[in-house]
Amino acid sequence: MKEAGNTTTEQPPLRFLKVRDVCDKIAVSRSRLYELLIEDEDFPKPFKDSDSRQAPNYWVEHEIEEWMRRRMERARRR
């Protein structure tokens, strides 16, 4: 329950997605996902949880969903 006068906006819970999860969520192949990272400057950038080259990439789910919403809105305005 929020207190009166509290202007803090609730953040969605963080959920990290791996490459396969992102591909499934936006219905693209792995190669298309990496093309989006290069071609679409609005596409969320992944992060690694270590400095190792072999460390997996992770995306924040709500950033991917926000990108999907913006893309859908652009498509509908055409």
Protein backbone atom coordinates (compact mmCIF):
# COMPACT_ATOMS: atom_id res chain seq x y z
CA MET A 1 0.00 0.00 0.00
CA LYS A 2 1.33 3.44 -0.93
CA GLU A 3 1.36 6.27 1.51
CA ALA A 4 -0.32 9.56 0.63
CA GLY A 5 2.13 11.95 -0.98
CA ASN A 6 4.56 9.20 -1.92
CA THR A 7 5.73 9.99 -5.45
CA THR A 8 7.94 6.93 -5.82
CA THR A 9 7.04 4.94 -8.89
CA GLU A 10 7.10 1.20 -8.52
CA GLN A 11 9.68 -0.50 -10.68
CA PRO A 12 8.80 -3.81 -12.28
CA PRO A 13 10.64 -6.75 -10.72
CA LEU A 14 13.94 -7.45 -12.42
CA ARG A 15 14.09 -10.59 -14.48
CA PHE A 16 17.16 -11.41 -16.51
CA LEU A 17 16.84 -13.13 -19.87
CA LYS A 18 19.46 -15.16 -21.72
CA VAL A 19 19.87 -15.13 -25.50
CA ARG A 20 17.41 -17.98 -26.04
CA ASP A 21 14.80 -16.28 -23.83
CA VAL A 22 15.09 -13.00 -25.76
CA CYS A 23 14.88 -14.80 -29.10
CA ASP A 24 11.74 -16.63 -27.97
CA LYS A 25 10.18 -13.45 -26.54
CA ILE A 26 10.63 -11.37 -29.71
CA ALA A 27 10.29 -14.33 -32.10
CA VAL A 28 13.60 -13.99 -33.92
CA SER A 29 16.60 -16.19 -34.57
CA ARG A 30 19.86 -15.77 -32.69
CA SER A 31 21.51 -14.25 -35.77
CA ARG A 32 18.65 -11.74 -36.15
CA LEU A 33 19.00 -10.81 -32.49
CA TYR A 34 22.64 -9.92 -33.02
CA GLU A 35 21.71 -7.96 -36.16
CA LEU A 36 19.24 -5.95 -34.08
CA LEU A 37 22.00 -5.14 -31.60
CA ILE A 38 24.03 -3.64 -34.46
CA GLU A 39 21.26 -2.07 -36.58
CA ASP A 40 18.73 -0.82 -34.01
CA GLU A 41 20.19 1.77 -31.67
CA ASP A 42 17.04 1.56 -29.51
CA PHE A 43 17.41 -2.15 -28.88
CA PRO A 44 18.44 -2.81 -25.26
CA LYS A 45 22.08 -3.70 -24.79
CA PRO A 46 22.96 -6.86 -22.88
CA PHE A 47 25.30 -7.07 -19.94
CA LYS A 48 27.63 -9.74 -18.62
CA ASP A 49 27.94 -10.62 -14.97
CA SER A 50 31.71 -11.09 -15.25
CA ASP A 51 34.62 -9.92 -17.35
CA SER A 52 35.09 -13.33 -18.91
CA ARG A 53 34.60 -13.48 -22.68
CA GLN A 54 32.65 -16.71 -22.17
CA ALA A 55 30.22 -15.17 -19.68
CA PRO A 56 26.64 -15.26 -20.97
CA ASN A 57 24.82 -12.12 -22.07
CA TYR A 58 21.75 -11.08 -20.10
CA TRP A 59 18.98 -8.62 -20.89
CA VAL A 60 16.52 -7.04 -18.48
CA GLU A 61 13.05 -8.31 -19.39
CA HIS A 62 11.16 -5.04 -18.89
CA GLU A 63 13.68 -3.24 -21.19
CA ILE A 64 12.94 -5.80 -23.93
CA GLU A 65 9.20 -5.41 -23.37
CA GLU A 66 9.45 -1.61 -23.55
CA TRP A 67 11.36 -1.92 -26.85
CA MET A 68 8.59 -4.21 -28.14
CA ARG A 69 5.92 -1.65 -27.18
CA ARG A 70 7.76 1.19 -28.94
CA ARG A 71 8.27 -0.92 -32.06
CA MET A 72 4.58 -1.90 -32.11
CA GLU A 73 3.50 1.74 -31.71
CA ARG A 74 5.72 2.79 -34.63
CA ALA A 75 4.32 0.03 -36.82
CA ARG A 76 0.73 1.02 -36.03
CA ARG A 77 1.35 4.68 -36.91
CA ARG A 78 2.39 3.81 -40.46
